Full PDB file with SEQRES, HELIX, SHEET, SSBOND, CRYST1, ORIGX, SCALE, CONECT and MASTER records, all heavy atoms in Angstrom:
SEQRES   1 A   41  PRO ILE GLU GLU ALA LEU VAL ALA LEU ALA ALA ALA PRO          
SEQRES   2 A   41  GLY TRP VAL ALA SER ARG PRO THR VAL VAL ASN GLN LYS          
SEQRES   3 A   41  ARG THR VAL ILE GLY GLY TYR PRO ASP ASP LEU PRO ASP          
SEQRES   4 A   41  TRP GLU                                                      
HELIX    1 AA1 ILE A    2  ALA A   11  1                                  10    
SHEET    1 AA1 2 LYS A  26  ARG A  27  0                                        
SHEET    2 AA1 2 ASP A  39  TRP A  40 -1                                        
CRYST1    1.000    1.000    1.000  90.00  90.00  90.00 P 1           1          
ORIGX1      1.000000  0.000000  0.000000        0.00000                         
ORIGX2      0.000000  1.000000  0.000000        0.00000                         
ORIGX3      0.000000  0.000000  1.000000        0.00000                         
SCALE1      1.000000  0.000000  0.000000        0.00000                         
SCALE2      0.000000  1.000000  0.000000        0.00000                         
SCALE3      0.000000  0.000000  1.000000        0.00000                         
ATOM      1  N   PRO A   1      -6.544   0.857   9.934  1.00  0.00           N  
ATOM      2  CA  PRO A   1      -5.633   0.191  10.871  1.00  0.00           C  
ATOM      3  C   PRO A   1      -4.397  -0.403  10.194  1.00  0.00           C  
ATOM      4  O   PRO A   1      -3.309  -0.405  10.785  1.00  0.00           O  
ATOM      5  CB  PRO A   1      -6.489  -0.892  11.528  1.00  0.00           C  
ATOM      6  CG  PRO A   1      -7.665  -1.083  10.643  1.00  0.00           C  
ATOM      7  CD  PRO A   1      -7.867   0.218   9.937  1.00  0.00           C  
ATOM      8  N   ILE A   2      -4.544  -0.892   8.970  1.00  0.00           N  
ATOM      9  CA  ILE A   2      -3.379  -1.454   8.290  1.00  0.00           C  
ATOM     10  C   ILE A   2      -2.383  -0.354   7.939  1.00  0.00           C  
ATOM     11  O   ILE A   2      -1.181  -0.475   8.197  1.00  0.00           O  
ATOM     12  CB  ILE A   2      -3.795  -2.257   7.035  1.00  0.00           C  
ATOM     13  CG1 ILE A   2      -4.473  -3.560   7.466  1.00  0.00           C  
ATOM     14  CG2 ILE A   2      -2.587  -2.535   6.140  1.00  0.00           C  
ATOM     15  CD1 ILE A   2      -5.036  -4.395   6.346  1.00  0.00           C  
ATOM     16  N   GLU A   3      -2.879   0.732   7.364  1.00  0.00           N  
ATOM     17  CA  GLU A   3      -1.964   1.817   6.995  1.00  0.00           C  
ATOM     18  C   GLU A   3      -1.273   2.386   8.228  1.00  0.00           C  
ATOM     19  O   GLU A   3      -0.065   2.627   8.221  1.00  0.00           O  
ATOM     20  CB  GLU A   3      -2.713   2.903   6.233  1.00  0.00           C  
ATOM     21  CG  GLU A   3      -1.783   3.962   5.672  1.00  0.00           C  
ATOM     22  CD  GLU A   3      -2.479   4.927   4.748  1.00  0.00           C  
ATOM     23  OE1 GLU A   3      -3.688   5.193   4.924  1.00  0.00           O  
ATOM     24  OE2 GLU A   3      -1.802   5.433   3.846  1.00  0.00           O  
ATOM     25  N   GLU A   4      -2.001   2.580   9.295  1.00  0.00           N  
ATOM     26  CA  GLU A   4      -1.424   3.103  10.544  1.00  0.00           C  
ATOM     27  C   GLU A   4      -0.325   2.178  11.072  1.00  0.00           C  
ATOM     28  O   GLU A   4       0.762   2.629  11.456  1.00  0.00           O  
ATOM     29  CB  GLU A   4      -2.523   3.258  11.580  1.00  0.00           C  
ATOM     30  CG  GLU A   4      -2.064   3.823  12.905  1.00  0.00           C  
ATOM     31  CD  GLU A   4      -3.211   3.956  13.887  1.00  0.00           C  
ATOM     32  OE1 GLU A   4      -4.262   4.526  13.517  1.00  0.00           O  
ATOM     33  OE2 GLU A   4      -3.056   3.486  15.030  1.00  0.00           O  
ATOM     34  N   ALA A   5      -0.591   0.877  11.073  1.00  0.00           N  
ATOM     35  CA  ALA A   5       0.397  -0.085  11.564  1.00  0.00           C  
ATOM     36  C   ALA A   5       1.638  -0.108  10.680  1.00  0.00           C  
ATOM     37  O   ALA A   5       2.768  -0.197  11.178  1.00  0.00           O  
ATOM     38  CB  ALA A   5      -0.228  -1.481  11.644  1.00  0.00           C  
ATOM     39  N   LEU A   6       1.452  -0.015   9.370  1.00  0.00           N  
ATOM     40  CA  LEU A   6       2.592  -0.060   8.462  1.00  0.00           C  
ATOM     41  C   LEU A   6       3.416   1.225   8.492  1.00  0.00           C  
ATOM     42  O   LEU A   6       4.644   1.176   8.369  1.00  0.00           O  
ATOM     43  CB  LEU A   6       2.126  -0.381   7.040  1.00  0.00           C  
ATOM     44  CG  LEU A   6       1.519  -1.777   6.876  1.00  0.00           C  
ATOM     45  CD1 LEU A   6       1.055  -1.989   5.443  1.00  0.00           C  
ATOM     46  CD2 LEU A   6       2.494  -2.866   7.299  1.00  0.00           C  
ATOM     47  N   VAL A   7       2.763   2.362   8.678  1.00  0.00           N  
ATOM     48  CA  VAL A   7       3.499   3.626   8.818  1.00  0.00           C  
ATOM     49  C   VAL A   7       4.392   3.562  10.062  1.00  0.00           C  
ATOM     50  O   VAL A   7       5.567   3.958  10.028  1.00  0.00           O  
ATOM     51  CB  VAL A   7       2.526   4.825   8.861  1.00  0.00           C  
ATOM     52  CG1 VAL A   7       3.220   6.093   9.353  1.00  0.00           C  
ATOM     53  CG2 VAL A   7       1.915   5.061   7.477  1.00  0.00           C  
ATOM     54  N   ALA A   8       3.859   3.035  11.158  1.00  0.00           N  
ATOM     55  CA  ALA A   8       4.646   2.894  12.384  1.00  0.00           C  
ATOM     56  C   ALA A   8       5.810   1.930  12.179  1.00  0.00           C  
ATOM     57  O   ALA A   8       6.932   2.191  12.636  1.00  0.00           O  
ATOM     58  CB  ALA A   8       3.758   2.427  13.535  1.00  0.00           C  
ATOM     59  N   LEU A   9       5.558   0.830  11.490  1.00  0.00           N  
ATOM     60  CA  LEU A   9       6.621  -0.138  11.207  1.00  0.00           C  
ATOM     61  C   LEU A   9       7.725   0.512  10.382  1.00  0.00           C  
ATOM     62  O   LEU A   9       8.910   0.387  10.696  1.00  0.00           O  
ATOM     63  CB  LEU A   9       6.051  -1.363  10.470  1.00  0.00           C  
ATOM     64  CG  LEU A   9       7.070  -2.396   9.997  1.00  0.00           C  
ATOM     65  CD1 LEU A   9       7.780  -3.046  11.180  1.00  0.00           C  
ATOM     66  CD2 LEU A   9       6.387  -3.445   9.124  1.00  0.00           C  
ATOM     67  N   ALA A  10       7.366   1.193   9.314  1.00  0.00           N  
ATOM     68  CA  ALA A  10       8.357   1.806   8.424  1.00  0.00           C  
ATOM     69  C   ALA A  10       9.169   2.882   9.147  1.00  0.00           C  
ATOM     70  O   ALA A  10      10.354   3.070   8.853  1.00  0.00           O  
ATOM     71  CB  ALA A  10       7.665   2.390   7.199  1.00  0.00           C  
ATOM     72  N   ALA A  11       8.554   3.587  10.085  1.00  0.00           N  
ATOM     73  CA  ALA A  11       9.234   4.658  10.805  1.00  0.00           C  
ATOM     74  C   ALA A  11      10.147   4.144  11.919  1.00  0.00           C  
ATOM     75  O   ALA A  11      11.013   4.887  12.402  1.00  0.00           O  
ATOM     76  CB  ALA A  11       8.204   5.618  11.397  1.00  0.00           C  
ATOM     77  N   ALA A  12       9.971   2.894  12.306  1.00  0.00           N  
ATOM     78  CA  ALA A  12      10.760   2.338  13.402  1.00  0.00           C  
ATOM     79  C   ALA A  12      12.230   2.211  12.991  1.00  0.00           C  
ATOM     80  O   ALA A  12      12.547   1.991  11.823  1.00  0.00           O  
ATOM     81  CB  ALA A  12      10.205   0.968  13.798  1.00  0.00           C  
ATOM     82  N   PRO A  13      13.138   2.353  13.956  1.00  0.00           N  
ATOM     83  CA  PRO A  13      14.564   2.212  13.642  1.00  0.00           C  
ATOM     84  C   PRO A  13      14.962   0.754  13.447  1.00  0.00           C  
ATOM     85  O   PRO A  13      14.189  -0.153  13.735  1.00  0.00           O  
ATOM     86  CB  PRO A  13      15.238   2.796  14.888  1.00  0.00           C  
ATOM     87  CG  PRO A  13      14.253   2.570  15.991  1.00  0.00           C  
ATOM     88  CD  PRO A  13      12.896   2.679  15.359  1.00  0.00           C  
ATOM     89  N   GLY A  14      16.173   0.561  12.948  1.00  0.00           N  
ATOM     90  CA  GLY A  14      16.752  -0.776  12.901  1.00  0.00           C  
ATOM     91  C   GLY A  14      16.720  -1.475  11.562  1.00  0.00           C  
ATOM     92  O   GLY A  14      17.040  -2.659  11.482  1.00  0.00           O  
ATOM     93  N   TRP A  15      16.364  -0.792  10.490  1.00  0.00           N  
ATOM     94  CA  TRP A  15      16.348  -1.418   9.173  1.00  0.00           C  
ATOM     95  C   TRP A  15      17.780  -1.590   8.685  1.00  0.00           C  
ATOM     96  O   TRP A  15      18.617  -0.694   8.842  1.00  0.00           O  
ATOM     97  CB  TRP A  15      15.529  -0.585   8.189  1.00  0.00           C  
ATOM     98  CG  TRP A  15      14.094  -0.513   8.609  1.00  0.00           C  
ATOM     99  CD1 TRP A  15      13.482   0.521   9.249  1.00  0.00           C  
ATOM    100  CD2 TRP A  15      13.112  -1.536   8.462  1.00  0.00           C  
ATOM    101  NE1 TRP A  15      12.170   0.211   9.510  1.00  0.00           N  
ATOM    102  CE2 TRP A  15      11.911  -1.056   9.035  1.00  0.00           C  
ATOM    103  CE3 TRP A  15      13.117  -2.805   7.903  1.00  0.00           C  
ATOM    104  CZ2 TRP A  15      10.737  -1.798   9.061  1.00  0.00           C  
ATOM    105  CZ3 TRP A  15      11.960  -3.559   7.923  1.00  0.00           C  
ATOM    106  CH2 TRP A  15      10.787  -3.057   8.502  1.00  0.00           C  
ATOM    107  N   VAL A  16      18.079  -2.726   8.081  1.00  0.00           N  
ATOM    108  CA  VAL A  16      19.433  -3.047   7.645  1.00  0.00           C  
ATOM    109  C   VAL A  16      19.665  -2.629   6.195  1.00  0.00           C  
ATOM    110  O   VAL A  16      20.607  -1.898   5.897  1.00  0.00           O  
ATOM    111  CB  VAL A  16      19.725  -4.562   7.815  1.00  0.00           C  
ATOM    112  CG1 VAL A  16      21.080  -4.923   7.249  1.00  0.00           C  
ATOM    113  CG2 VAL A  16      19.614  -4.952   9.282  1.00  0.00           C  
ATOM    114  N   ALA A  17      18.843  -3.109   5.285  1.00  0.00           N  
ATOM    115  CA  ALA A  17      19.061  -2.860   3.855  1.00  0.00           C  
ATOM    116  C   ALA A  17      18.531  -1.493   3.434  1.00  0.00           C  
ATOM    117  O   ALA A  17      19.226  -0.727   2.771  1.00  0.00           O  
ATOM    118  CB  ALA A  17      18.414  -3.956   3.015  1.00  0.00           C  
ATOM    119  N   SER A  18      17.302  -1.202   3.793  1.00  0.00           N  
ATOM    120  CA  SER A  18      16.691   0.087   3.457  1.00  0.00           C  
ATOM    121  C   SER A  18      15.429   0.255   4.291  1.00  0.00           C  
ATOM    122  O   SER A  18      14.873  -0.720   4.791  1.00  0.00           O  
ATOM    123  CB  SER A  18      16.357   0.161   1.965  1.00  0.00           C  
ATOM    124  OG  SER A  18      15.370  -0.783   1.613  1.00  0.00           O  
ATOM    125  N   ARG A  19      14.974   1.489   4.409  1.00  0.00           N  
ATOM    126  CA  ARG A  19      13.719   1.765   5.122  1.00  0.00           C  
ATOM    127  C   ARG A  19      12.576   1.509   4.142  1.00  0.00           C  
ATOM    128  O   ARG A  19      12.600   2.003   3.018  1.00  0.00           O  
ATOM    129  CB  ARG A  19      13.688   3.209   5.596  1.00  0.00           C  
ATOM    130  CG  ARG A  19      12.418   3.564   6.365  1.00  0.00           C  
ATOM    131  CD  ARG A  19      12.486   4.961   6.951  1.00  0.00           C  
ATOM    132  NE  ARG A  19      13.597   5.140   7.868  1.00  0.00           N  
ATOM    133  CZ  ARG A  19      13.610   4.731   9.148  1.00  0.00           C  
ATOM    134  NH1 ARG A  19      12.565   4.109   9.634  1.00  0.00           N  
ATOM    135  NH2 ARG A  19      14.652   4.945   9.908  1.00  0.00           N  
ATOM    136  N   PRO A  20      11.566   0.748   4.546  1.00  0.00           N  
ATOM    137  CA  PRO A  20      10.441   0.476   3.645  1.00  0.00           C  
ATOM    138  C   PRO A  20       9.548   1.696   3.469  1.00  0.00           C  
ATOM    139  O   PRO A  20       9.604   2.639   4.264  1.00  0.00           O  
ATOM    140  CB  PRO A  20       9.692  -0.664   4.336  1.00  0.00           C  
ATOM    141  CG  PRO A  20      10.064  -0.561   5.772  1.00  0.00           C  
ATOM    142  CD  PRO A  20      11.426   0.058   5.832  1.00  0.00           C  
ATOM    143  N   THR A  21       8.744   1.661   2.421  1.00  0.00           N  
ATOM    144  CA  THR A  21       7.766   2.719   2.178  1.00  0.00           C  
ATOM    145  C   THR A  21       6.371   2.104   2.154  1.00  0.00           C  
ATOM    146  O   THR A  21       6.170   0.990   1.666  1.00  0.00           O  
ATOM    147  CB  THR A  21       8.024   3.433   0.841  1.00  0.00           C  
ATOM    148  OG1 THR A  21       8.022   2.482  -0.213  1.00  0.00           O  
ATOM    149  CG2 THR A  21       9.342   4.170   0.862  1.00  0.00           C  
ATOM    150  N   VAL A  22       5.414   2.850   2.673  1.00  0.00           N  
ATOM    151  CA  VAL A  22       4.031   2.400   2.717  1.00  0.00           C  
ATOM    152  C   VAL A  22       3.354   2.777   1.408  1.00  0.00           C  
ATOM    153  O   VAL A  22       3.570   3.866   0.873  1.00  0.00           O  
ATOM    154  CB  VAL A  22       3.299   3.016   3.923  1.00  0.00           C  
ATOM    155  CG1 VAL A  22       1.823   2.638   3.931  1.00  0.00           C  
ATOM    156  CG2 VAL A  22       3.968   2.572   5.221  1.00  0.00           C  
ATOM    157  N   VAL A  23       2.525   1.857   0.897  1.00  0.00           N  
ATOM    158  CA  VAL A  23       1.803   2.056  -0.352  1.00  0.00           C  
ATOM    159  C   VAL A  23       0.305   1.978  -0.069  1.00  0.00           C  
ATOM    160  O   VAL A  23      -0.147   1.074   0.622  1.00  0.00           O  
ATOM    161  CB  VAL A  23       2.191   0.970  -1.386  1.00  0.00           C  
ATOM    162  CG1 VAL A  23       1.387   1.108  -2.654  1.00  0.00           C  
ATOM    163  CG2 VAL A  23       3.680   0.993  -1.667  1.00  0.00           C  
ATOM    164  N   ASN A  24      -0.429   2.938  -0.625  1.00  0.00           N  
ATOM    165  CA  ASN A  24      -1.889   2.914  -0.545  1.00  0.00           C  
ATOM    166  C   ASN A  24      -2.402   3.596  -1.811  1.00  0.00           C  
ATOM    167  O   ASN A  24      -2.526   4.815  -1.860  1.00  0.00           O  
ATOM    168  CB  ASN A  24      -2.391   3.629   0.703  1.00  0.00           C  
ATOM    169  CG  ASN A  24      -3.905   3.592   0.810  1.00  0.00           C  
ATOM    170  OD1 ASN A  24      -4.597   3.054  -0.049  1.00  0.00           O  
ATOM    171  ND2 ASN A  24      -4.427   4.183   1.865  1.00  0.00           N  
ATOM    172  N   GLN A  25      -2.626   2.789  -2.840  1.00  0.00           N  
ATOM    173  CA  GLN A  25      -3.084   3.351  -4.107  1.00  0.00           C  
ATOM    174  C   GLN A  25      -4.066   2.416  -4.783  1.00  0.00           C  
ATOM    175  O   GLN A  25      -3.955   1.203  -4.685  1.00  0.00           O  
ATOM    176  CB  GLN A  25      -1.908   3.650  -5.033  1.00  0.00           C  
ATOM    177  CG  GLN A  25      -1.112   2.428  -5.442  1.00  0.00           C  
ATOM    178  CD  GLN A  25       0.150   2.785  -6.219  1.00  0.00           C  
ATOM    179  OE1 GLN A  25       0.551   3.936  -6.264  1.00  0.00           O  
ATOM    180  NE2 GLN A  25       0.770   1.802  -6.832  1.00  0.00           N  
ATOM    181  N   LYS A  26      -5.006   3.028  -5.470  1.00  0.00           N  
ATOM    182  CA  LYS A  26      -5.994   2.267  -6.243  1.00  0.00           C  
ATOM    183  C   LYS A  26      -5.715   2.468  -7.721  1.00  0.00           C  
ATOM    184  O   LYS A  26      -5.360   3.565  -8.150  1.00  0.00           O  
ATOM    185  CB  LYS A  26      -7.414   2.767  -5.939  1.00  0.00           C  
ATOM    186  CG  LYS A  26      -7.890   2.494  -4.541  1.00  0.00           C  
ATOM    187  CD  LYS A  26      -9.298   3.013  -4.352  1.00  0.00           C  
ATOM    188  CE  LYS A  26      -9.769   2.846  -2.927  1.00  0.00           C  
ATOM    189  NZ  LYS A  26     -11.146   3.332  -2.747  1.00  0.00           N  
ATOM    190  N   ARG A  27      -5.877   1.377  -8.472  1.00  0.00           N  
ATOM    191  CA  ARG A  27      -5.713   1.429  -9.932  1.00  0.00           C  
ATOM    192  C   ARG A  27      -6.955   0.864 -10.586  1.00  0.00           C  
ATOM    193  O   ARG A  27      -7.411  -0.220 -10.234  1.00  0.00           O  
ATOM    194  CB  ARG A  27      -4.527   0.592 -10.376  1.00  0.00           C  
ATOM    195  CG  ARG A  27      -3.212   1.081  -9.893  1.00  0.00           C  
ATOM    196  CD  ARG A  27      -2.146   0.222 -10.487  1.00  0.00           C  
ATOM    197  NE  ARG A  27      -0.936   0.338  -9.710  1.00  0.00           N  
ATOM    198  CZ  ARG A  27       0.256   0.185 -10.203  1.00  0.00           C  
ATOM    199  NH1 ARG A  27       0.399  -0.142 -11.466  1.00  0.00           N  
ATOM    200  NH2 ARG A  27       1.315   0.294  -9.457  1.00  0.00           N  
ATOM    201  N   THR A  28      -7.477   1.584 -11.551  1.00  0.00           N  
ATOM    202  CA  THR A  28      -8.627   1.103 -12.303  1.00  0.00           C  
ATOM    203  C   THR A  28      -8.164  -0.004 -13.244  1.00  0.00           C  
ATOM    204  O   THR A  28      -7.130   0.112 -13.895  1.00  0.00           O  
ATOM    205  CB  THR A  28      -9.259   2.250 -13.115  1.00  0.00           C  
ATOM    206  OG1 THR A  28      -9.620   3.282 -12.200  1.00  0.00           O  
ATOM    207  CG2 THR A  28     -10.477   1.779 -13.870  1.00  0.00           C  
ATOM    208  N   VAL A  29      -8.929  -1.083 -13.291  1.00  0.00           N  
ATOM    209  CA  VAL A  29      -8.605  -2.208 -14.158  1.00  0.00           C  
ATOM    210  C   VAL A  29      -9.029  -1.853 -15.583  1.00  0.00           C  
ATOM    211  O   VAL A  29     -10.206  -1.596 -15.843  1.00  0.00           O  
ATOM    212  CB  VAL A  29      -9.314  -3.496 -13.686  1.00  0.00           C  
ATOM    213  CG1 VAL A  29      -9.011  -4.656 -14.613  1.00  0.00           C  
ATOM    214  CG2 VAL A  29      -8.927  -3.832 -12.260  1.00  0.00           C  
ATOM    215  N   ILE A  30      -8.073  -1.834 -16.482  1.00  0.00           N  
ATOM    216  CA  ILE A  30      -8.373  -1.529 -17.879  1.00  0.00           C  
ATOM    217  C   ILE A  30      -9.090  -2.722 -18.492  1.00  0.00           C  
ATOM    218  O   ILE A  30      -8.654  -3.866 -18.363  1.00  0.00           O  
ATOM    219  CB  ILE A  30      -7.079  -1.209 -18.660  1.00  0.00           C  
ATOM    220  CG1 ILE A  30      -6.436   0.041 -18.066  1.00  0.00           C  
ATOM    221  CG2 ILE A  30      -7.367  -1.030 -20.143  1.00  0.00           C  
ATOM    222  CD1 ILE A  30      -5.066   0.351 -18.601  1.00  0.00           C  
ATOM    223  N   GLY A  31     -10.214  -2.448 -19.139  1.00  0.00           N  
ATOM    224  CA  GLY A  31     -10.991  -3.522 -19.751  1.00  0.00           C  
ATOM    225  C   GLY A  31     -11.914  -4.225 -18.776  1.00  0.00           C  
ATOM    226  O   GLY A  31     -12.531  -5.226 -19.119  1.00  0.00           O  
ATOM    227  N   GLY A  32     -12.017  -3.706 -17.565  1.00  0.00           N  
ATOM    228  CA  GLY A  32     -12.883  -4.320 -16.570  1.00  0.00           C  
ATOM    229  C   GLY A  32     -14.327  -3.873 -16.735  1.00  0.00           C  
ATOM    230  O   GLY A  32     -14.668  -3.084 -17.621  1.00  0.00           O  
ATOM    231  N   TYR A  33     -15.156  -4.394 -15.886  1.00  0.00           N  
ATOM    232  CA  TYR A  33     -16.578  -4.040 -15.890  1.00  0.00           C  
ATOM    233  C   TYR A  33     -16.800  -2.822 -14.994  1.00  0.00           C  
ATOM    234  O   TYR A  33     -16.050  -2.604 -14.040  1.00  0.00           O  
ATOM    235  CB  TYR A  33     -17.418  -5.219 -15.418  1.00  0.00           C  
ATOM    236  CG  TYR A  33     -17.348  -6.394 -16.359  1.00  0.00           C  
ATOM    237  CD1 TYR A  33     -16.502  -7.464 -16.110  1.00  0.00           C  
ATOM    238  CD2 TYR A  33     -18.122  -6.407 -17.511  1.00  0.00           C  
ATOM    239  CE1 TYR A  33     -16.432  -8.534 -16.995  1.00  0.00           C  
ATOM    240  CE2 TYR A  33     -18.058  -7.468 -18.393  1.00  0.00           C  
ATOM    241  CZ  TYR A  33     -17.211  -8.528 -18.133  1.00  0.00           C  
ATOM    242  OH  TYR A  33     -17.138  -9.578 -19.011  1.00  0.00           O  
ATOM    243  N   PRO A  34     -17.836  -2.054 -15.267  1.00  0.00           N  
ATOM    244  CA  PRO A  34     -18.092  -0.835 -14.470  1.00  0.00           C  
ATOM    245  C   PRO A  34     -18.239  -1.101 -12.974  1.00  0.00           C  
ATOM    246  O   PRO A  34     -17.867  -0.254 -12.167  1.00  0.00           O  
ATOM    247  CB  PRO A  34     -19.388  -0.283 -15.054  1.00  0.00           C  
ATOM    248  CG  PRO A  34     -19.469  -0.845 -16.430  1.00  0.00           C  
ATOM    249  CD  PRO A  34     -18.777  -2.185 -16.375  1.00  0.00           C  
ATOM    250  N   ASP A  35     -18.750  -2.252 -12.587  1.00  0.00           N  
ATOM    251  CA  ASP A  35     -18.943  -2.553 -11.170  1.00  0.00           C  
ATOM    252  C   ASP A  35     -17.718  -3.191 -10.514  1.00  0.00           C  
ATOM    253  O   ASP A  35     -17.743  -3.457  -9.307  1.00  0.00           O  
ATOM    254  CB  ASP A  35     -20.144  -3.487 -10.989  1.00  0.00           C  
ATOM    255  CG  ASP A  35     -21.461  -2.801 -11.322  1.00  0.00           C  
ATOM    256  OD1 ASP A  35     -21.497  -1.546 -11.301  1.00  0.00           O  
ATOM    257  OD2 ASP A  35     -22.441  -3.500 -11.611  1.00  0.00           O  
ATOM    258  N   ASP A  36     -16.648  -3.450 -11.289  1.00  0.00           N  
ATOM    259  CA  ASP A  36     -15.442  -4.041 -10.724  1.00  0.00           C  
ATOM    260  C   ASP A  36     -14.781  -3.083  -9.742  1.00  0.00           C  
ATOM    261  O   ASP A  36     -14.735  -1.870  -9.972  1.00  0.00           O  
ATOM    262  CB  ASP A  36     -14.419  -4.374 -11.821  1.00  0.00           C  
ATOM    263  CG  ASP A  36     -14.789  -5.599 -12.627  1.00  0.00           C  
ATOM    264  OD1 ASP A  36     -15.724  -6.312 -12.238  1.00  0.00           O  
ATOM    265  OD2 ASP A  36     -14.129  -5.833 -13.653  1.00  0.00           O  
ATOM    266  N   LEU A  37     -14.274  -3.632  -8.650  1.00  0.00           N  
ATOM    267  CA  LEU A  37     -13.501  -2.825  -7.716  1.00  0.00           C  
ATOM    268  C   LEU A  37     -12.137  -2.530  -8.335  1.00  0.00           C  
ATOM    269  O   LEU A  37     -11.576  -3.375  -9.041  1.00  0.00           O  
ATOM    270  CB  LEU A  37     -13.303  -3.581  -6.401  1.00  0.00           C  
ATOM    271  CG  LEU A  37     -14.549  -3.827  -5.559  1.00  0.00           C  
ATOM    272  CD1 LEU A  37     -14.213  -4.738  -4.389  1.00  0.00           C  
ATOM    273  CD2 LEU A  37     -15.112  -2.508  -5.057  1.00  0.00           C  
ATOM    274  N   PRO A  38     -11.577  -1.367  -8.075  1.00  0.00           N  
ATOM    275  CA  PRO A  38     -10.232  -1.090  -8.585  1.00  0.00           C  
ATOM    276  C   PRO A  38      -9.220  -1.963  -7.856  1.00  0.00           C  
ATOM    277  O   PRO A  38      -9.458  -2.398  -6.717  1.00  0.00           O  
ATOM    278  CB  PRO A  38     -10.023   0.385  -8.260  1.00  0.00           C  
ATOM    279  CG  PRO A  38     -10.966   0.669  -7.140  1.00  0.00           C  
ATOM    280  CD  PRO A  38     -12.136  -0.260  -7.310  1.00  0.00           C  
ATOM    281  N   ASP A  39      -8.080  -2.254  -8.512  1.00  0.00           N  
ATOM    282  CA  ASP A  39      -6.996  -2.936  -7.821  1.00  0.00           C  
ATOM    283  C   ASP A  39      -6.496  -1.991  -6.739  1.00  0.00           C  
ATOM    284  O   ASP A  39      -6.216  -0.823  -7.003  1.00  0.00           O  
ATOM    285  CB  ASP A  39      -5.851  -3.258  -8.781  1.00  0.00           C  
ATOM    286  CG  ASP A  39      -6.141  -4.452  -9.669  1.00  0.00           C  
ATOM    287  OD1 ASP A  39      -7.064  -5.218  -9.345  1.00  0.00           O  
ATOM    288  OD2 ASP A  39      -5.447  -4.620 -10.678  1.00  0.00           O  
ATOM    289  N   TRP A  40      -6.429  -2.489  -5.523  1.00  0.00           N  
ATOM    290  CA  TRP A  40      -6.015  -1.648  -4.402  1.00  0.00           C  
ATOM    291  C   TRP A  40      -4.713  -2.200  -3.861  1.00  0.00           C  
ATOM    292  O   TRP A  40      -4.678  -3.301  -3.316  1.00  0.00           O  
ATOM    293  CB  TRP A  40      -7.083  -1.643  -3.335  1.00  0.00           C  
ATOM    294  CG  TRP A  40      -6.991  -0.558  -2.308  1.00  0.00           C  
ATOM    295  CD1 TRP A  40      -5.876   0.160  -1.951  1.00  0.00           C  
ATOM    296  CD2 TRP A  40      -8.048  -0.073  -1.493  1.00  0.00           C  
ATOM    297  NE1 TRP A  40      -6.180   1.054  -0.971  1.00  0.00           N  
ATOM    298  CE2 TRP A  40      -7.514   0.947  -0.680  1.00  0.00           C  
ATOM    299  CE3 TRP A  40      -9.390  -0.393  -1.381  1.00  0.00           C  
ATOM    300  CZ2 TRP A  40      -8.284   1.628   0.255  1.00  0.00           C  
ATOM    301  CZ3 TRP A  40     -10.149   0.290  -0.458  1.00  0.00           C  
ATOM    302  CH2 TRP A  40      -9.606   1.295   0.348  1.00  0.00           C  
ATOM    303  N   GLU A  41      -3.653  -1.451  -4.019  1.00  0.00           N  
ATOM    304  CA  GLU A  41      -2.355  -1.826  -3.482  1.00  0.00           C  
ATOM    305  C   GLU A  41      -2.205  -1.146  -2.126  1.00  0.00           C  
ATOM    306  O   GLU A  41      -2.018   0.069  -2.042  1.00  0.00           O  
ATOM    307  CB  GLU A  41      -1.231  -1.407  -4.429  1.00  0.00           C  
ATOM    308  CG  GLU A  41      -1.287  -2.148  -5.752  1.00  0.00           C  
ATOM    309  CD  GLU A  41      -0.262  -1.670  -6.757  1.00  0.00           C  
ATOM    310  OE1 GLU A  41       0.289  -0.561  -6.585  1.00  0.00           O  
ATOM    311  OE2 GLU A  41      -0.027  -2.396  -7.724  1.00  0.00           O  
TER     312      GLU A  41                                                      
MASTER        0    0    0    1    2    0    0    6  311    1    0    4          
END                                                                             
């Protein structure tokens, strides 16, 4: 639901400075524990 809402927001007209981009990426924490969740942007 968050990604869907943000994609709709970014696609909407009326942006002044620039059109935003949606981000959905996971990054493994270097030096973390095996059970740690990845950083999710």
